Amino acid sequence: MSAREIEGPFETIESAHEYMTLLAGTVLDTITELKRDHEAALRDGADRRAQAIEVAILKLKQLNCYTFKSRRMLNDLRIIRRLILNERMSVENIIAAM
């Protein structure tokens, strides 16, 4: 079964990699927003809220680290699969495809 025949969102390494990339982008956007919220909480004197935001930022940074590692592992698996299945195109095949 080729990768093109598979319809589910996580049935291929590529789709899982794409999802992790989207998740990483969302995490970074959320961290940026929370940093603004943190500064606002400090200005407003809402110390407890500021501390809660700090914890959320810490957890998001950890999640970002995990998504980075997961993307690297998925990329490694993609390379290994290509080596196993001999999917890498030779120079002649690349030139012929042009």
N, C-alpha and C. Protein backbone atom coordinates (compact mmCIF):
# COMPACT_ATOMS: atom_id res chain seq x y z
N MET A 1 0.85 -1.18 0.00
CA MET A 1 0.00 0.00 0.00
C MET A 1 0.89 1.24 0.00
N SER A 2 0.69 2.12 -0.93
CA SER A 2 1.51 3.31 -1.02
C SER A 2 1.01 4.38 -0.06
N ALA A 3 1.86 5.36 0.20
CA ALA A 3 1.50 6.44 1.12
C ALA A 3 0.32 7.25 0.58
N ARG A 4 0.14 7.30 -0.72
CA ARG A 4 -0.95 8.07 -1.31
C ARG A 4 -2.31 7.40 -1.10
N GLU A 5 -2.34 6.07 -0.92
CA GLU A 5 -3.59 5.35 -0.74
C GLU A 5 -4.12 5.45 0.68
N ILE A 6 -3.30 5.87 1.62
CA ILE A 6 -3.69 5.94 3.02
C ILE A 6 -4.39 7.27 3.28
N GLU A 7 -5.56 7.23 3.91
CA GLU A 7 -6.38 8.42 4.10
C GLU A 7 -6.30 9.00 5.50
N GLY A 8 -6.03 8.20 6.53
CA GLY A 8 -6.07 8.67 7.92
C GLY A 8 -4.99 9.69 8.22
N PRO A 9 -5.21 10.49 9.26
CA PRO A 9 -4.29 11.58 9.57
C PRO A 9 -2.92 11.13 10.10
N PHE A 10 -2.85 9.95 10.72
CA PHE A 10 -1.58 9.52 11.29
C PHE A 10 -1.17 8.14 10.79
N GLU A 11 -1.57 7.81 9.61
CA GLU A 11 -1.25 6.50 9.08
C GLU A 11 0.07 6.48 8.32
N THR A 12 0.70 7.61 8.18
CA THR A 12 2.01 7.66 7.54
C THR A 12 2.96 8.46 8.41
N ILE A 13 4.23 8.21 8.23
CA ILE A 13 5.25 8.98 8.94
C ILE A 13 5.15 10.45 8.54
N GLU A 14 4.89 10.69 7.27
CA GLU A 14 4.81 12.06 6.78
C GLU A 14 3.66 12.84 7.43
N SER A 15 2.50 12.18 7.57
CA SER A 15 1.36 12.88 8.17
C SER A 15 1.61 13.15 9.65
N ALA A 16 2.26 12.22 10.34
CA ALA A 16 2.60 12.45 11.74
C ALA A 16 3.62 13.58 11.87
N HIS A 17 4.58 13.62 10.96
CA HIS A 17 5.59 14.69 10.96
C HIS A 17 4.92 16.05 10.72
N GLU A 18 4.00 16.09 9.77
CA GLU A 18 3.29 17.33 9.47
C GLU A 18 2.49 17.80 10.69
N TYR A 19 1.83 16.87 11.37
CA TYR A 19 1.08 17.22 12.57
C TYR A 19 2.00 17.79 13.64
N MET A 20 3.15 17.16 13.86
CA MET A 20 4.08 17.64 14.88
C MET A 20 4.61 19.03 14.52
N THR A 21 4.79 19.28 13.23
CA THR A 21 5.22 20.61 12.79
C THR A 21 4.15 21.65 13.09
N LEU A 22 2.90 21.32 12.81
CA LEU A 22 1.80 22.24 13.13
C LEU A 22 1.69 22.47 14.63
N LEU A 23 1.84 21.41 15.40
CA LEU A 23 1.77 21.52 16.85
C LEU A 23 2.89 22.42 17.37
N ALA A 24 4.08 22.24 16.85
CA ALA A 24 5.21 23.06 17.28
C ALA A 24 4.96 24.54 17.00
N GLY A 25 4.40 24.85 15.84
CA GLY A 25 4.08 26.23 15.50
C GLY A 25 3.03 26.82 16.44
N THR A 26 2.03 26.03 16.76
CA THR A 26 0.98 26.47 17.68
C THR A 26 1.55 26.71 19.07
N VAL A 27 2.43 25.82 19.50
CA VAL A 27 3.05 25.98 20.82
C VAL A 27 3.84 27.28 20.88
N LEU A 28 4.63 27.55 19.85
CA LEU A 28 5.42 28.79 19.85
C LEU A 28 4.53 30.03 19.84
N ASP A 29 3.45 30.00 19.07
CA ASP A 29 2.52 31.13 19.06
C ASP A 29 1.89 31.34 20.43
N THR A 30 1.54 30.24 21.09
CA THR A 30 0.91 30.31 22.40
C THR A 30 1.88 30.84 23.45
N ILE A 31 3.13 30.44 23.36
CA ILE A 31 4.15 30.96 24.29
C ILE A 31 4.27 32.46 24.13
N THR A 32 4.29 32.94 22.90
CA THR A 32 4.38 34.38 22.65
C THR A 32 3.20 35.11 23.26
N GLU A 33 2.00 34.57 23.08
CA GLU A 33 0.80 35.20 23.65
C GLU A 33 0.84 35.19 25.17
N LEU A 34 1.28 34.08 25.75
CA LEU A 34 1.33 33.99 27.20
C LEU A 34 2.37 34.93 27.80
N LYS A 35 3.46 35.16 27.08
CA LYS A 35 4.46 36.12 27.57
C LYS A 35 3.86 37.52 27.66
N ARG A 36 3.02 37.87 26.68
CA ARG A 36 2.33 39.17 26.74
C ARG A 36 1.36 39.21 27.92
N ASP A 37 0.63 38.09 28.10
CA ASP A 37 -0.31 38.01 29.23
C ASP A 37 0.42 38.09 30.56
N HIS A 38 1.59 37.49 30.62
CA HIS A 38 2.40 37.52 31.84
C HIS A 38 2.82 38.94 32.18
N GLU A 39 3.28 39.67 31.17
CA GLU A 39 3.67 41.06 31.40
C GLU A 39 2.48 41.90 31.86
N ALA A 40 1.33 41.66 31.26
CA ALA A 40 0.12 42.38 31.66
C ALA A 40 -0.27 42.04 33.10
N ALA A 41 -0.17 40.78 33.47
CA ALA A 41 -0.50 40.37 34.83
C ALA A 41 0.43 41.03 35.84
N LEU A 42 1.71 41.12 35.49
CA LEU A 42 2.66 41.79 36.39
C LEU A 42 2.35 43.27 36.53
N ARG A 43 1.99 43.91 35.42
CA ARG A 43 1.62 45.34 35.47
C ARG A 43 0.39 45.57 36.32
N ASP A 44 -0.55 44.63 36.24
CA ASP A 44 -1.81 44.76 36.98
C ASP A 44 -1.68 44.32 38.44
N GLY A 45 -0.53 43.80 38.81
CA GLY A 45 -0.33 43.35 40.18
C GLY A 45 -0.98 42.02 40.49
N ALA A 46 -1.31 41.26 39.46
CA ALA A 46 -1.94 39.94 39.63
C ALA A 46 -0.84 38.88 39.72
N ASP A 47 -0.21 38.81 40.90
CA ASP A 47 0.94 37.92 41.07
C ASP A 47 0.58 36.44 40.90
N ARG A 48 -0.55 36.04 41.43
CA ARG A 48 -0.95 34.63 41.32
C ARG A 48 -1.20 34.25 39.85
N ARG A 49 -1.84 35.14 39.13
CA ARG A 49 -2.06 34.90 37.70
C ARG A 49 -0.73 34.84 36.95
N ALA A 50 0.19 35.72 37.29
CA ALA A 50 1.50 35.74 36.65
C ALA A 50 2.24 34.43 36.91
N GLN A 51 2.14 33.92 38.13
CA GLN A 51 2.79 32.64 38.45
C GLN A 51 2.17 31.49 37.66
N ALA A 52 0.86 31.51 37.54
CA ALA A 52 0.18 30.45 36.78
C ALA A 52 0.61 30.50 35.31
N ILE A 53 0.74 31.69 34.78
CA ILE A 53 1.19 31.84 33.39
C ILE A 53 2.62 31.35 33.25
N GLU A 54 3.47 31.60 34.23
CA GLU A 54 4.85 31.11 34.19
C GLU A 54 4.88 29.58 34.12
N VAL A 55 4.01 28.93 34.90
CA VAL A 55 3.94 27.46 34.87
C VAL A 55 3.48 26.99 33.49
N ALA A 56 2.48 27.68 32.93
CA ALA A 56 1.98 27.30 31.60
C ALA A 56 3.09 27.47 30.56
N ILE A 57 3.85 28.54 30.65
CA ILE A 57 4.95 28.75 29.70
C ILE A 57 5.99 27.65 29.84
N LEU A 58 6.32 27.29 31.08
CA LEU A 58 7.28 26.20 31.32
C LEU A 58 6.79 24.91 30.68
N LYS A 59 5.54 24.56 30.89
CA LYS A 59 4.98 23.33 30.32
C LYS A 59 4.97 23.38 28.79
N LEU A 60 4.67 24.53 28.23
CA LEU A 60 4.68 24.67 26.77
C LEU A 60 6.10 24.54 26.21
N LYS A 61 7.08 25.06 26.95
CA LYS A 61 8.47 24.90 26.51
C LYS A 61 8.88 23.44 26.53
N GLN A 62 8.41 22.70 27.54
CA GLN A 62 8.69 21.26 27.59
C GLN A 62 8.02 20.56 26.40
N LEU A 63 6.78 20.91 26.14
CA LEU A 63 6.06 20.32 24.99
C LEU A 63 6.79 20.65 23.69
N ASN A 64 7.29 21.87 23.57
CA ASN A 64 8.03 22.26 22.37
C ASN A 64 9.27 21.40 22.19
N CYS A 65 9.94 21.10 23.29
CA CYS A 65 11.12 20.24 23.24
C CYS A 65 10.73 18.84 22.76
N TYR A 66 9.62 18.31 23.29
CA TYR A 66 9.16 16.98 22.88
C TYR A 66 8.74 16.96 21.41
N THR A 67 8.10 18.02 20.94
CA THR A 67 7.69 18.04 19.53
C THR A 67 8.91 18.10 18.63
N PHE A 68 9.93 18.86 19.04
CA PHE A 68 11.17 18.93 18.25
C PHE A 68 11.81 17.55 18.16
N LYS A 69 11.91 16.89 19.32
CA LYS A 69 12.51 15.55 19.33
C LYS A 69 11.68 14.56 18.51
N SER A 70 10.37 14.67 18.60
CA SER A 70 9.50 13.77 17.85
C SER A 70 9.64 13.99 16.35
N ARG A 71 9.75 15.25 15.93
CA ARG A 71 9.93 15.52 14.50
C ARG A 71 11.25 14.94 14.02
N ARG A 72 12.30 15.06 14.84
CA ARG A 72 13.59 14.49 14.46
C ARG A 72 13.51 12.97 14.34
N MET A 73 12.82 12.33 15.30
CA MET A 73 12.67 10.87 15.25
C MET A 73 11.86 10.45 14.03
N LEU A 74 10.80 11.17 13.73
CA LEU A 74 9.99 10.84 12.55
C LEU A 74 10.81 11.02 11.28
N ASN A 75 11.63 12.05 11.24
CA ASN A 75 12.49 12.25 10.07
C ASN A 75 13.49 11.10 9.94
N ASP A 76 14.06 10.67 11.08
CA ASP A 76 14.98 9.53 11.06
C ASP A 76 14.27 8.28 10.56
N LEU A 77 13.05 8.05 11.04
CA LEU A 77 12.28 6.89 10.59
C LEU A 77 11.99 6.95 9.10
N ARG A 78 11.72 8.14 8.60
CA ARG A 78 11.47 8.31 7.17
C ARG A 78 12.72 7.93 6.37
N ILE A 79 13.86 8.37 6.83
CA ILE A 79 15.12 8.06 6.16
C ILE A 79 15.40 6.55 6.21
N ILE A 80 15.18 5.95 7.38
CA ILE A 80 15.40 4.51 7.53
C ILE A 80 14.47 3.72 6.61
N ARG A 81 13.20 4.14 6.56
CA ARG A 81 12.25 3.45 5.67
C ARG A 81 12.72 3.53 4.22
N ARG A 82 13.19 4.70 3.82
CA ARG A 82 13.67 4.84 2.44
C ARG A 82 14.86 3.94 2.17
N LEU A 83 15.74 3.83 3.15
CA LEU A 83 16.90 2.95 2.98
C LEU A 83 16.47 1.49 2.90
N ILE A 84 15.53 1.10 3.75
CA ILE A 84 15.05 -0.29 3.75
C ILE A 84 14.36 -0.62 2.44
N LEU A 85 13.51 0.29 1.98
CA LEU A 85 12.73 0.02 0.76
C LEU A 85 13.44 0.49 -0.50
N ASN A 86 14.66 1.01 -0.33
CA ASN A 86 15.45 1.50 -1.45
C ASN A 86 14.66 2.54 -2.25
N GLU A 87 14.03 3.47 -1.54
CA GLU A 87 13.19 4.47 -2.18
C GLU A 87 13.97 5.70 -2.66
N ARG A 88 15.19 5.82 -2.25
CA ARG A 88 15.95 6.99 -2.67
C ARG A 88 16.14 6.96 -4.18
N MET A 89 15.92 8.09 -4.78
CA MET A 89 16.08 8.17 -6.23
C MET A 89 17.55 8.32 -6.58
N SER A 90 17.96 7.63 -7.60
CA SER A 90 19.33 7.78 -8.07
C SER A 90 19.44 9.08 -8.85
N VAL A 91 20.66 9.49 -9.11
CA VAL A 91 20.89 10.72 -9.87
C VAL A 91 20.25 10.61 -11.25
N GLU A 92 20.35 9.44 -11.86
CA GLU A 92 19.77 9.24 -13.18
C GLU A 92 18.24 9.40 -13.15
N ASN A 93 17.60 8.86 -12.08
CA ASN A 93 16.14 8.98 -11.97
C ASN A 93 15.71 10.43 -11.74
N ILE A 94 16.50 11.16 -10.98
CA ILE A 94 16.17 12.58 -10.73
C ILE A 94 16.27 13.37 -12.03
N ILE A 95 17.33 13.13 -12.79
CA ILE A 95 17.51 13.84 -14.07
C ILE A 95 16.39 13.45 -15.04
N ALA A 96 16.02 12.19 -15.06
CA ALA A 96 14.97 11.72 -15.96
C ALA A 96 13.61 12.32 -15.58
N ALA A 97 13.40 12.59 -14.28
CA ALA A 97 12.12 13.15 -13.83
C ALA A 97 11.99 14.63 -14.17
N MET A 98 13.06 15.27 -14.54
CA MET A 98 13.02 16.71 -14.83
C MET A 98 12.45 17.01 -16.17
